[in-house]
């Protein structure tokens, strides 16, 4: 019979450490003391001698083991750490030895039933196997019980339970068990999955046992394990790595079957986004493998893409999980979607056509626009490398890769709109107007140059990505004009300290008129109504940027720019946008 237990896991863990410290002192003291007692012989006046030290060390050791078992069990019962609170539970067993003995007995019962079934293959014997698995449920919340059950079964028999269940109940499914079928397995295989989760979370599953299962277990078995129980983060990610690294071509003969294995994995990550974030961050090729067009578009499951998008959202959204891991996950995702050739037939652009994933990426990218802008700024302005080069992990992203990544996201027109709005918000947050481009203060001029380089870098990347965008001519025209005016929209109001910037709206200083003029230039080029080349159109668009700055200052009574100032503004716009703009216009065609 068990007992009702109340324990503060954090406090108990601290006590375990204190006992470990005491054991260290006793262990270090004992040899010298024993030598001194032996030398003193009958003259030793210490009473019981070192026997008391041996008993004290043994007491600490046994107490640590007992406390560790209690912590493991109550944490498993409550499904996670206590958060510094007192936890209570009714334990099924009064001690670790009793729990282990019961687990061994349960494992023996299951193994015996399985052996009998394998001997005769009689349906009635299989029912006994399922009954034995179901009967083991009562103790799996105790990690000692669960570990003993698994050790008694062994990894081979454990896998056979899953294989035989499928053969008896769900033969013919080549890419995993459908949810409804898998749910029927919960009363039996669910107990086995729960036992693994309980023991593995407490680190009580031997490494050879785990290795045998992870390396030789069938994908159906592994996906069922993560679907029927909340496995440890480590085990879940090992399953994810194994499943995603299996070449899809090796299974192409079965591609007509729904891919319930990957679907089960995504549902498990939907429930554990921190583990998914870690996998994306620590395995550089995870995003590439997960988002392969064949995997996403040929899953055969209508809910697969929405589930995948939802799971990515939970792992990548601002504030999710660990900041450093999330940044590394984004870098691996960008590299996995923006590699050279990703826009070609069969590349990852195909994954993002008519996909809900684009919206997730577009709306969650905002915190990292500065790093991506700096990647391009460092390439465009080598003299500013020391000032704008982003640190790790962003320094592993190449400008062309970042540009193609934006192009991948732009396969959805709605995502283009989100990106444009996000870029405009980024520009406002830069607040470049705090720093005058022609200030007599060297530091102020340097800050202005650095921030404007970032702004230009982002515009450059977006223009480069737009060459791959799935947009109509009108949508493309609007996008280019919006991106071209980014450095003006958020700068004009403040560069020259215009009073009440909040009131100096786009309409106040003629942005609408300028956008109209720019739009006409682009339309004429697209419709072959002008002999001008893409280079000439680009120069004309940049002239419109400069004109807008000059006119805006004049309308607001600011000090007029000298010819040298005008040229500096023009060269800044041209240097950061001209090449990308020319390429964008040429790609679209005139």
Protein backbone atom coordinates (compact mmCIF):
# COMPACT_ATOMS: atom_id res chain seq x y z
CA UNK A 1 0.00 0.00 0.00
CA UNK A 2 1.31 3.48 -0.83
CA UNK A 3 1.26 6.64 1.19
CA UNK A 4 0.20 10.27 0.93
CA UNK A 5 3.28 12.41 0.33
CA UNK A 6 3.87 16.13 0.51
CA UNK A 7 7.22 17.46 -0.63
CA UNK A 8 8.91 20.58 -1.94
CA UNK A 9 11.06 19.19 -4.76
CA UNK A 10 13.35 22.22 -4.85
CA UNK A 11 13.94 22.08 -1.10
CA UNK A 12 14.46 18.33 -1.21
CA UNK A 13 16.95 18.70 -4.04
CA UNK A 14 18.86 21.25 -1.95
CA UNK A 15 18.89 18.81 0.97
CA UNK A 16 20.26 16.08 -1.32
CA UNK A 17 23.10 18.41 -2.31
CA UNK A 18 23.83 19.22 1.32
CA UNK A 19 24.06 15.51 2.11
CA UNK A 20 26.35 15.07 -0.88
CA UNK A 21 28.60 17.79 0.55
CA UNK A 22 28.59 15.99 3.92
CA UNK A 23 29.49 12.69 2.21
CA UNK A 24 32.39 14.44 0.50
CA UNK A 25 33.72 15.70 3.86
CA UNK A 26 33.31 12.28 5.45
CA UNK A 27 34.95 10.57 2.50
CA UNK A 28 37.91 12.91 2.55
CA UNK A 29 38.30 12.67 6.35
CA UNK A 30 37.86 8.92 6.70
CA UNK A 31 41.20 7.64 5.28
CA UNK A 32 43.29 9.87 7.51
CA UNK A 33 41.18 9.11 10.55
CA UNK A 34 41.35 5.38 9.93
CA UNK A 35 45.13 5.58 9.67
CA UNK A 36 45.32 7.56 12.91
CA UNK A 37 43.10 5.03 14.74
CA UNK A 38 45.19 2.12 13.46
CA UNK A 39 48.36 3.83 14.61
CA UNK A 40 46.93 4.67 18.05
CA UNK A 41 45.54 1.15 18.47
CA UNK A 42 44.37 0.61 22.07
CA UNK A 43 45.23 4.17 23.02
CA UNK A 44 42.50 5.54 20.72
CA UNK A 45 39.91 7.30 22.84
CA UNK A 46 37.31 7.93 20.18
CA UNK A 47 34.78 5.34 21.19
CA UNK A 48 33.19 3.76 18.09
CA UNK A 49 35.99 4.90 15.80
CA UNK A 50 35.26 5.11 12.09
CA UNK A 51 32.22 2.81 12.28
CA UNK A 52 30.09 5.83 13.10
CA UNK A 53 31.46 7.63 10.02
CA UNK A 54 30.61 4.62 7.84
CA UNK A 55 27.07 4.57 9.22
CA UNK A 56 26.68 8.32 8.70
CA UNK A 57 27.88 8.07 5.09
CA UNK A 58 25.52 5.16 4.45
CA UNK A 59 22.65 7.06 6.08
CA UNK A 60 23.22 10.07 3.82
CA UNK A 61 23.51 7.84 0.75
CA UNK A 62 20.31 5.89 1.45
CA UNK A 63 18.43 9.10 2.32
CA UNK A 64 19.53 10.70 -0.94
CA UNK A 65 18.27 7.74 -2.93
CA UNK A 66 14.94 7.77 -1.12
CA UNK A 67 14.49 11.50 -1.58
CA UNK A 68 15.48 11.28 -5.25
CA UNK A 69 12.81 8.61 -5.78
CA UNK A 70 10.21 10.77 -4.07
CA UNK A 71 11.15 13.81 -6.15
CA UNK A 72 11.06 11.80 -9.38
CA UNK A 73 7.69 10.28 -8.53
CA UNK A 74 5.87 13.38 -7.37
CA UNK A 75 7.28 15.43 -10.27
CA UNK A 76 6.06 12.80 -12.70
CA UNK A 77 2.63 12.73 -11.07
CA UNK A 78 2.32 16.51 -11.43
CA UNK A 79 3.77 16.55 -14.93
CA UNK A 80 6.72 18.88 -14.34
CA UNK A 81 8.69 21.07 -11.92
CA UNK A 82 6.94 22.48 -8.86
CA UNK A 83 7.90 26.11 -9.36
CA UNK A 84 9.01 26.25 -5.72
CA UNK A 85 5.67 25.01 -4.37
CA UNK A 86 4.80 22.13 -2.08
CA UNK A 87 3.46 19.19 -4.07
CA UNK A 88 1.23 16.46 -2.70
CA UNK A 89 0.23 13.09 -4.11
CA UNK A 90 -0.90 9.62 -3.19
CA UNK A 91 2.02 7.35 -4.02
CA UNK A 92 1.12 3.88 -5.33
CA UNK A 93 4.09 2.36 -3.48
CA UNK A 94 5.64 2.96 -0.08
CA UNK A 95 9.22 2.82 -1.29
CA UNK A 96 11.49 2.51 -4.31
CA UNK A 97 12.22 -1.18 -3.74
CA UNK A 98 8.53 -2.04 -3.63
CA UNK A 99 7.90 0.00 -6.78
CA UNK A 100 10.75 -1.69 -8.66
CA UNK A 101 9.56 -5.15 -7.61
CA UNK A 102 6.04 -4.41 -8.83
CA UNK A 103 7.38 -3.04 -12.12
CA UNK A 104 9.48 -6.13 -12.65
CA UNK A 105 6.46 -8.32 -12.03
CA UNK A 106 4.35 -6.32 -14.52
CA UNK A 107 7.10 -6.58 -17.12
CA UNK A 108 7.31 -10.32 -16.56
CA UNK A 109 3.56 -10.72 -17.06
CA UNK A 110 3.65 -8.80 -20.34
CA UNK A 111 6.73 -10.65 -21.60
CA UNK A 112 5.18 -14.03 -20.78
CA UNK A 113 1.94 -13.16 -22.56
CA UNK A 114 3.86 -11.92 -25.61
CA UNK A 115 5.95 -15.09 -25.71
CA UNK A 116 2.84 -17.25 -25.58
CA UNK A 117 1.27 -15.30 -28.44
CA UNK A 118 4.39 -15.51 -30.59
CA UNK A 119 4.42 -19.27 -30.09
CA UNK A 120 0.90 -19.94 -31.40
CA UNK A 121 -0.25 -16.62 -32.92
CA UNK A 122 -3.68 -17.30 -31.48
CA UNK A 123 -6.01 -14.25 -31.35
CA UNK A 124 -7.05 -15.15 -27.79
CA UNK A 125 -3.40 -14.99 -26.73
CA UNK A 126 -3.02 -11.51 -28.21
CA UNK A 127 -5.97 -10.36 -26.11
CA UNK A 128 -3.99 -11.53 -23.08
CA UNK A 129 -1.02 -9.43 -24.19
CA UNK A 130 -3.19 -6.33 -24.43
CA UNK A 131 -4.77 -7.14 -21.08
CA UNK A 132 -1.32 -7.45 -19.47
CA UNK A 133 -0.29 -4.05 -20.86
CA UNK A 134 -3.53 -2.46 -19.63
CA UNK A 135 -3.10 -4.02 -16.17
CA UNK A 136 0.31 -2.37 -15.79
CA UNK A 137 -1.17 1.14 -15.88
CA UNK A 138 -1.54 1.68 -12.14
CA UNK A 139 2.14 2.10 -11.40
CA UNK A 140 3.61 3.87 -14.41
CA UNK A 141 3.53 7.23 -12.66
CA UNK A 142 6.32 5.88 -10.45
CA UNK A 143 9.63 6.11 -12.39
CA UNK A 144 11.15 3.21 -10.44
CA UNK A 145 8.20 1.00 -11.38
CA UNK A 146 8.33 2.14 -15.00
CA UNK A 147 12.09 1.64 -15.27
CA UNK A 148 11.87 -1.89 -13.85
CA UNK A 149 9.03 -2.75 -16.24
CA UNK A 150 11.04 -1.56 -19.24
CA UNK A 151 14.24 -3.27 -18.12
CA UNK A 152 12.38 -6.56 -17.67
CA UNK A 153 10.81 -6.35 -21.11
CA UNK A 154 13.93 -5.18 -22.87
CA UNK A 155 13.93 -2.91 -25.95
CA UNK A 156 13.34 -5.72 -28.46
CA UNK A 157 10.17 -7.07 -26.80
CA UNK A 158 9.04 -3.49 -26.20
CA UNK A 159 9.18 -2.80 -29.95
CA UNK A 160 7.48 -6.11 -30.73
CA UNK A 161 4.47 -5.01 -28.69
CA UNK A 162 3.95 -2.03 -30.98
CA UNK A 163 4.65 -3.99 -34.16
CA UNK A 164 2.27 -6.79 -33.25
CA UNK A 165 -0.45 -4.38 -32.16
CA UNK A 166 -0.29 -2.76 -35.60
CA UNK A 167 -0.31 -6.12 -37.38
CA UNK A 168 -3.39 -7.21 -35.45
CA UNK A 169 -5.32 -3.93 -35.37
CA UNK A 170 -4.11 -1.67 -38.18
CA UNK A 171 -2.31 -3.56 -40.92
CA UNK A 172 -1.74 -1.71 -44.19
CA UNK A 173 -0.84 1.74 -42.88
CA UNK A 174 2.62 2.48 -44.29
CA UNK A 175 3.22 6.00 -42.94
CA UNK A 176 1.93 5.78 -39.41
CA UNK A 177 -1.34 5.23 -37.63
CA UNK A 178 -4.29 7.57 -38.18
CA UNK A 179 -5.33 9.41 -35.01
CA UNK A 180 -8.55 7.43 -34.61
CA UNK A 181 -6.70 4.13 -34.89
CA UNK A 182 -3.92 5.30 -32.58
CA UNK A 183 -6.49 6.37 -30.01
CA UNK A 184 -7.71 2.78 -29.79
CA UNK A 185 -4.20 1.82 -28.74
CA UNK A 186 -4.19 4.19 -25.77
CA UNK A 187 -5.50 1.59 -23.30
CA UNK A 188 -2.60 -0.75 -24.04
CA UNK A 189 0.26 0.82 -26.00
CA UNK A 190 -0.51 4.09 -24.23
CA UNK A 191 0.52 2.41 -20.97
CA UNK A 192 3.85 1.41 -22.53
CA UNK A 193 4.37 4.93 -23.90
CA UNK A 194 3.56 6.36 -20.47
CA UNK A 195 6.03 4.00 -18.79
CA UNK A 196 8.79 5.16 -21.15
CA UNK A 197 7.96 8.81 -20.52
CA UNK A 198 7.95 8.31 -16.74
CA UNK A 199 11.25 6.44 -16.61
CA UNK A 200 13.03 8.53 -19.24
CA UNK A 201 12.13 11.86 -17.69
CA UNK A 202 13.72 10.63 -14.46
CA UNK A 203 16.79 9.46 -16.43
CA UNK A 204 16.18 5.85 -15.37
CA UNK A 205 16.30 4.29 -18.84
CA UNK A 206 19.71 2.83 -19.64
CA UNK A 207 21.49 4.33 -22.63
CA UNK A 208 21.86 0.96 -24.47
CA UNK A 209 18.09 0.45 -24.07
CA UNK A 210 17.32 3.90 -25.48
CA UNK A 211 19.83 3.52 -28.30
CA UNK A 212 18.31 0.22 -29.40
CA UNK A 213 14.84 1.75 -29.53
CA UNK A 214 15.83 5.00 -31.24
CA UNK A 215 18.11 3.47 -33.84
CA UNK A 216 16.15 0.32 -34.68
CA UNK A 217 12.58 1.16 -33.75
CA UNK A 218 10.15 1.50 -36.64
CA UNK A 219 8.89 4.99 -37.38
CA UNK A 220 5.35 3.84 -36.58
CA UNK A 221 6.52 2.82 -33.11
CA UNK A 222 8.40 6.07 -32.46
CA UNK A 223 5.57 8.30 -33.69
CA UNK A 224 3.07 6.36 -31.57
CA UNK A 225 5.28 6.81 -28.51
CA UNK A 226 5.35 10.60 -28.89
CA UNK A 227 1.64 10.71 -29.74
CA UNK A 228 0.38 8.71 -26.76
CA UNK A 229 2.55 10.22 -24.01
CA UNK A 230 4.39 13.43 -23.21
CA UNK A 231 7.91 12.15 -23.74
CA UNK A 232 11.04 13.91 -22.46
CA UNK A 233 12.37 16.78 -24.59
CA UNK A 234 15.50 14.76 -25.32
CA UNK A 235 13.63 11.68 -26.50
CA UNK A 236 11.16 13.73 -28.56
CA UNK A 237 13.97 15.55 -30.36
CA UNK A 238 15.82 12.31 -30.99
CA UNK A 239 12.67 10.92 -32.59
CA UNK A 240 12.30 14.13 -34.60
CA UNK A 241 15.88 13.91 -35.83
CA UNK A 242 15.48 10.26 -36.84
CA UNK A 243 12.18 10.80 -38.65
CA UNK A 244 13.15 13.97 -40.51
CA UNK A 245 16.51 12.64 -41.65
CA UNK A 246 15.01 9.61 -43.37
CA UNK A 247 15.20 10.37 -47.12
CA UNK A 248 11.74 10.93 -48.53
CA UNK A 249 12.74 9.19 -51.76
CA UNK A 250 13.18 5.98 -49.78
CA UNK A 251 9.45 6.11 -49.02
CA UNK A 252 8.18 7.48 -52.33
CA UNK A 253 6.46 4.17 -53.07
CA UNK A 254 4.25 4.83 -50.07
CA UNK A 255 3.73 8.57 -50.64
CA UNK A 256 0.11 7.94 -51.55
CA UNK A 257 -0.56 7.04 -47.90
CA UNK A 258 -1.13 9.95 -45.50
CA UNK A 259 2.01 10.81 -43.54
CA UNK A 260 0.63 10.26 -40.05
CA UNK A 261 4.14 9.83 -38.65
CA UNK A 262 5.19 13.43 -39.32
CA UNK A 263 1.73 14.65 -38.36
CA UNK A 264 2.04 12.91 -34.96
CA UNK A 265 5.47 14.50 -34.52
CA UNK A 266 4.07 17.97 -35.23
CA UNK A 267 1.20 17.44 -32.81
CA UNK A 268 3.74 16.44 -30.14
CA UNK A 269 5.72 19.61 -30.84
CA UNK A 270 2.54 21.65 -30.80
CA UNK A 271 2.20 20.50 -27.18
CA UNK A 272 5.90 21.09 -26.48
CA UNK A 273 7.08 24.13 -28.49
CA UNK A 274 10.20 24.59 -26.35
CA UNK A 275 11.51 21.22 -27.48
CA UNK A 276 10.70 22.13 -31.08
CA UNK A 277 12.51 25.44 -30.73
CA UNK A 278 15.58 23.62 -29.40
CA UNK A 279 15.50 21.15 -32.30
CA UNK A 280 15.27 23.97 -34.85
CA UNK A 281 18.16 25.75 -33.13
CA UNK A 282 20.52 22.86 -32.50
CA UNK A 283 20.04 20.86 -35.70
CA UNK A 284 20.95 23.17 -38.57
CA UNK A 285 19.15 21.14 -41.22
CA UNK A 286 15.87 20.57 -39.34
CA UNK A 287 14.00 23.46 -40.99
CA UNK A 288 15.29 22.44 -44.43
CA UNK A 289 14.19 18.82 -43.94
CA UNK A 290 10.87 19.61 -42.29
CA UNK A 291 9.84 22.06 -45.00
CA UNK A 292 10.77 19.94 -48.01
CA UNK A 293 8.04 20.41 -50.64
CA UNK A 294 7.27 16.69 -50.87
CA UNK A 295 6.87 16.42 -47.12
CA UNK A 296 4.60 19.44 -46.81
CA UNK A 297 2.62 19.25 -50.04
CA UNK A 298 2.30 15.46 -50.24
CA UNK A 299 1.41 14.70 -46.63
CA UNK A 300 -2.07 13.65 -47.71
CA UNK A 301 -3.53 15.25 -44.58
CA UNK A 302 -5.63 18.43 -44.98
CA UNK A 303 -4.80 19.55 -41.44
CA UNK A 304 -1.05 19.04 -41.82
CA UNK A 305 -0.08 22.50 -43.10
CA UNK A 306 -2.25 24.40 -40.57
CA UNK A 307 -0.79 22.24 -37.78
CA UNK A 308 2.75 22.84 -39.04
CA UNK A 309 2.14 26.59 -39.25
CA UNK A 310 0.68 26.65 -35.74
CA UNK A 311 3.62 24.69 -34.35
CA UNK A 312 6.18 26.95 -36.04
CA UNK A 313 4.32 29.96 -34.68
CA UNK A 314 4.60 28.70 -31.10
CA UNK A 315 8.35 28.12 -31.45
CA UNK A 316 9.25 31.30 -33.37
CA UNK A 317 6.92 34.03 -32.10
CA UNK A 318 8.52 36.90 -30.15
CA UNK A 319 9.08 35.97 -26.51
CA UNK A 320 8.68 32.22 -27.06
CA UNK A 321 11.10 30.04 -25.11
CA UNK A 322 14.74 31.06 -24.89
CA UNK A 323 15.87 34.21 -26.72
CA UNK A 324 19.21 32.77 -27.87
CA UNK A 325 17.69 29.48 -29.02
CA UNK A 326 14.90 31.30 -30.84
CA UNK A 327 17.42 33.47 -32.73
CA UNK A 328 19.42 30.39 -33.78
CA UNK A 329 16.20 28.69 -34.88
CA UNK A 330 15.40 31.68 -37.09
CA UNK A 331 18.89 31.69 -38.62
CA UNK A 332 18.63 28.01 -39.48
CA UNK A 333 15.16 28.58 -40.93
CA UNK A 334 16.35 31.50 -43.08
CA UNK A 335 19.30 29.48 -44.36
CA UNK A 336 17.01 26.50 -44.95
CA UNK A 337 14.60 28.49 -47.13
CA UNK A 338 16.92 30.98 -48.81
CA UNK A 339 19.71 28.76 -50.12
CA UNK A 340 20.85 29.16 -53.72
CA UNK A 341 18.36 27.38 -55.96
CA UNK A 342 15.52 27.42 -53.44
CA UNK A 343 13.42 29.38 -55.96
CA UNK A 344 13.82 26.80 -58.70
CA UNK A 345 11.34 24.01 -59.44
CA UNK A 346 11.39 21.50 -56.60
CA UNK A 347 13.01 24.00 -54.23
CA UNK A 348 11.57 25.27 -50.98
CA UNK A 349 9.68 28.13 -52.64
CA UNK A 350 7.24 25.42 -53.72
CA UNK A 351 6.52 24.70 -50.05
CA UNK A 352 5.39 28.26 -49.43
CA UNK A 353 3.02 28.62 -52.35
CA UNK A 354 -0.56 28.86 -51.07
CA UNK A 355 0.60 27.97 -47.58
CA UNK A 356 -0.40 29.27 -44.12
CA UNK A 357 3.28 29.17 -43.14
CA UNK A 358 4.05 32.47 -44.93
CA UNK A 359 1.82 34.47 -42.62
CA UNK A 360 3.52 32.97 -39.55
CA UNK A 361 6.97 33.89 -40.82
CA UNK A 362 5.98 37.39 -41.93
CA UNK A 363 4.37 38.42 -38.65
CA UNK A 364 7.01 36.92 -36.35
CA UNK A 365 10.10 38.25 -38.13
CA UNK A 366 9.91 41.79 -36.72
CA UNK A 367 12.48 41.41 -33.88
CA UNK A 368 15.15 40.31 -36.35
CA UNK A 369 14.77 42.84 -39.15
CA UNK A 370 17.61 44.88 -37.66
CA UNK A 371 20.02 41.95 -37.80
CA UNK A 372 19.03 41.09 -41.37
CA UNK A 373 19.28 44.74 -42.41
CA UNK A 374 22.80 44.83 -40.93
CA UNK A 375 23.78 41.77 -42.96
CA UNK A 376 23.00 43.68 -46.17
CA UNK A 377 24.35 47.01 -44.87
CA UNK A 378 27.74 45.43 -44.14
CA UNK A 379 27.88 44.08 -47.71
CA UNK A 380 26.74 47.35 -49.32
CA UNK A 381 28.94 49.61 -47.20
CA UNK A 382 32.24 47.81 -46.49
CA UNK A 383 33.57 50.88 -44.71
CA UNK A 384 30.86 50.40 -42.08
CA UNK A 385 31.56 46.71 -41.45
CA UNK A 386 32.74 47.26 -37.90
CA UNK A 387 29.70 49.41 -37.11
CA UNK A 388 26.91 47.35 -38.66
CA UNK A 389 28.04 43.72 -38.88
CA UNK A 390 25.68 41.66 -36.72
CA UNK A 391 27.03 39.26 -34.13
CA UNK A 392 26.38 35.55 -33.91
CA UNK A 393 24.37 33.75 -35.00
CA UNK A 394 23.32 36.34 -37.62
CA UNK A 395 26.80 36.66 -39.10
CA UNK A 396 26.28 33.21 -40.64
CA UNK A 397 23.52 34.56 -42.93
CA UNK A 398 24.61 35.76 -46.38
CA UNK A 399 22.83 38.75 -47.98
CA UNK A 400 21.70 36.73 -51.01
CA UNK A 401 20.29 34.04 -48.73
CA UNK A 402 18.39 36.63 -46.68
CA UNK A 403 17.02 38.17 -49.87
CA UNK A 404 15.80 34.81 -51.18
CA UNK A 405 14.27 34.07 -47.79
CA UNK A 406 12.19 37.23 -48.14
CA UNK A 407 11.32 36.06 -51.63
CA UNK A 408 10.14 32.73 -50.24
CA UNK A 409 7.86 34.48 -47.77
CA UNK A 410 6.57 36.71 -50.58
CA UNK A 411 5.02 33.74 -52.35
CA UNK A 412 1.84 34.89 -50.58
CA UNK A 413 0.57 38.43 -51.43
CA UNK A 414 -0.91 38.81 -47.93
CA UNK A 415 2.51 38.07 -46.44
CA UNK A 416 3.99 40.80 -48.67
CA UNK A 417 1.61 43.30 -47.11
CA UNK A 418 2.56 42.12 -43.61
CA UNK A 419 6.26 42.41 -44.43
CA UNK A 420 5.81 45.91 -45.76
CA UNK A 421 3.98 47.02 -42.63
CA UNK A 422 6.60 45.33 -40.45
CA UNK A 423 9.38 47.10 -42.34
CA UNK A 424 7.65 50.46 -41.93
CA UNK A 425 7.32 49.85 -38.19
CA UNK A 426 10.99 48.92 -38.05
CA UNK A 427 11.88 52.23 -39.67
CA UNK A 428 9.84 54.15 -37.15
CA UNK A 429 11.55 52.36 -34.28
CA UNK A 430 14.96 53.33 -35.67
CA UNK A 431 13.93 56.94 -35.10
CA UNK A 432 16.75 58.20 -37.31
CA UNK A 433 15.49 61.74 -36.91
CA UNK A 434 17.19 61.94 -33.54
CA UNK A 435 20.43 62.35 -35.47
CA UNK A 436 21.16 65.04 -38.10
CA UNK A 437 22.97 63.84 -41.23
CA UNK A 438 24.92 67.11 -41.51
CA UNK A 439 25.56 67.72 -37.82
CA UNK A 440 28.85 69.26 -36.75
CA UNK A 441 29.03 66.48 -34.13
CA UNK A 442 31.04 63.59 -35.59
CA UNK A 443 29.38 60.97 -33.35
CA UNK A 444 25.91 62.15 -34.35
CA UNK A 445 26.75 61.96 -38.04
CA UNK A 446 28.19 58.46 -37.53
CA UNK A 447 25.03 57.28 -35.79
CA UNK A 448 22.87 58.69 -38.54
CA UNK A 449 24.99 56.94 -41.17
CA UNK A 450 24.83 53.62 -39.33
CA UNK A 451 21.05 53.74 -38.87
CA UNK A 452 20.40 54.89 -42.41
CA UNK A 453 22.63 52.08 -43.65
CA UNK A 454 20.44 49.63 -41.78
CA UNK A 455 17.30 51.18 -43.23
CA UNK A 456 18.74 51.04 -46.71
CA UNK A 457 19.91 47.49 -46.11
CA UNK A 458 16.41 46.33 -45.27
CA UNK A 459 14.96 48.08 -48.32
CA UNK A 460 17.64 46.43 -50.45
CA UNK A 461 16.80 42.94 -49.14
CA UNK A 462 13.09 43.47 -49.66
CA UNK A 463 13.62 44.72 -53.20
CA UNK A 464 15.79 41.70 -53.91
CA UNK A 465 13.19 39.36 -52.46
CA UNK A 466 10.47 41.02 -54.48
CA UNK A 467 11.93 39.62 -57.69
CA UNK A 468 10.53 36.26 -56.59
CA UNK A 469 7.20 37.60 -55.29
CA UNK A 470 3.87 36.26 -56.50
CA UNK A 471 2.26 39.66 -57.15
CA UNK A 472 0.21 41.30 -59.84
CA UNK A 473 1.73 44.30 -61.62
CA UNK A 474 -0.34 46.67 -59.50
CA UNK A 475 0.66 44.94 -56.27
CA UNK A 476 4.29 44.94 -57.36
CA UNK A 477 4.18 48.65 -58.20
CA UNK A 478 2.72 49.49 -54.79
CA UNK A 479 5.30 47.36 -53.04
CA UNK A 480 8.24 49.02 -54.78
CA UNK A 481 6.98 52.53 -54.07
CA UNK A 482 6.38 51.67 -50.40
CA UNK A 483 9.87 50.23 -50.02
CA UNK A 484 11.48 53.10 -51.93
CA UNK A 485 9.84 55.60 -49.61
CA UNK A 486 10.78 53.87 -46.38
CA UNK A 487 13.92 55.99 -45.85
CA UNK A 488 11.82 59.12 -46.52
CA UNK A 489 8.61 58.27 -44.67
CA UNK A 490 10.26 57.81 -41.30
CA UNK A 491 13.07 60.28 -41.78
CA UNK A 492 11.73 63.52 -43.24
CA UNK A 493 9.62 64.47 -40.25
CA UNK A 494 12.53 64.36 -37.86
CA UNK A 495 15.83 64.82 -39.67
CA UNK A 496 15.39 68.56 -39.64
CA UNK A 497 13.34 68.81 -36.43
CA UNK A 498 9.98 69.55 -38.07
CA UNK A 499 7.62 70.73 -35.36
CA UNK A 500 4.99 68.23 -34.19
CA UNK A 501 6.12 65.29 -36.32
CA UNK A 502 2.93 63.40 -35.50
CA UNK A 503 1.00 65.98 -37.49
CA UNK A 504 3.39 66.00 -40.41
CA UNK A 505 1.62 63.14 -42.13
CA UNK A 506 2.40 61.69 -45.50
CA UNK A 507 -0.25 63.92 -47.04
CA UNK A 508 1.32 67.02 -45.40
CA UNK A 509 4.57 66.71 -47.29
CA UNK A 510 3.40 65.25 -50.54
CA UNK A 511 4.23 61.58 -50.21
CA UNK A 512 0.98 60.61 -51.89
CA UNK A 513 1.83 62.74 -54.92
CA UNK A 514 5.33 61.29 -55.06
CA UNK A 515 4.00 57.74 -54.81
CA UNK A 516 1.69 58.51 -57.70
CA UNK A 517 4.56 59.78 -59.83
CA UNK A 518 6.67 56.76 -58.96
CA UNK A 519 3.78 54.45 -59.74
CA UNK A 520 3.32 56.05 -63.17
CA UNK A 521 7.02 55.58 -63.96
CA UNK A 522 6.86 51.92 -63.00
CA UNK A 523 3.59 51.31 -64.88
CA UNK A 524 4.97 52.87 -68.05
CA UNK A 525 8.02 50.65 -67.78
CA UNK A 526 5.99 47.50 -67.25
CA UNK A 527 3.65 48.39 -70.13
CA UNK A 528 6.48 49.26 -72.56
CA UNK A 529 5.21 52.83 -72.83
CA UNK A 530 8.69 54.29 -72.34
CA UNK A 531 12.02 53.62 -74.05
CA UNK A 532 13.76 54.11 -70.69
CA UNK A 533 15.84 51.24 -69.35
CA UNK A 534 15.54 49.81 -65.86
CA UNK A 535 18.65 51.83 -64.94
CA UNK A 536 17.03 55.08 -66.10
CA UNK A 537 13.77 54.29 -64.29
CA UNK A 538 15.76 53.56 -61.13
CA UNK A 539 17.54 56.91 -61.39
CA UNK A 540 14.20 58.66 -61.90
CA UNK A 541 12.69 56.97 -58.85
CA UNK A 542 15.67 58.00 -56.72
CA UNK A 543 15.28 61.55 -58.06
CA UNK A 544 11.71 61.45 -56.75
CA UNK A 545 13.01 60.46 -53.31
CA UNK A 546 15.40 63.39 -53.27
CA UNK A 547 12.74 65.80 -54.58
CA UNK A 548 10.43 64.74 -51.79
CA UNK A 549 13.07 65.49 -49.15
CA UNK A 550 13.87 68.90 -50.64
CA UNK A 551 10.22 69.93 -51.08
CA UNK A 552 9.27 68.73 -47.65
CA UNK A 553 11.97 70.84 -46.01
CA UNK A 554 10.90 73.87 -48.03
CA UNK A 555 7.23 73.47 -47.09
CA UNK A 556 8.11 73.27 -43.41
CA UNK A 557 10.31 76.34 -43.40
CA UNK A 558 13.54 74.46 -42.78
CA UNK A 559 17.00 75.56 -43.82
CA UNK A 560 17.37 74.70 -47.51
CA UNK A 561 19.92 72.08 -48.45
CA UNK A 562 23.05 73.14 -50.27
CA UNK A 563 23.81 71.45 -53.59
CA UNK A 564 26.39 69.40 -51.74
CA UNK A 565 23.78 68.32 -49.19
CA UNK A 566 21.37 67.33 -51.95
CA UNK A 567 24.05 65.28 -53.64
CA UNK A 568 24.91 63.54 -50.37
CA UNK A 569 21.26 62.62 -49.83
CA UNK A 570 20.99 61.37 -53.41
CA UNK A 571 24.15 59.30 -53.23
CA UNK A 572 23.03 57.74 -49.96
CA UNK A 573 19.72 56.68 -51.51
CA UNK A 574 21.37 55.57 -54.73
CA UNK A 575 24.20 53.62 -53.15
CA UNK A 576 21.88 51.52 -51.05
CA UNK A 577 18.96 51.00 -53.42
CA UNK A 578 19.96 51.46 -57.06
CA UNK A 579 21.34 48.00 -57.84
CA UNK A 580 18.54 46.12 -56.06
CA UNK A 581 15.92 48.34 -57.71
CA UNK A 582 17.38 47.81 -61.19
CA UNK A 583 17.42 44.06 -60.68
CA UNK A 584 13.82 44.10 -59.41
CA UNK A 585 12.63 46.07 -62.45
CA UNK A 586 14.54 43.90 -64.89
CA UNK A 587 13.28 40.71 -63.35
CA UNK A 588 9.70 41.87 -63.66
CA UNK A 589 10.30 42.92 -67.25
CA UNK A 590 9.65 45.97 -69.31
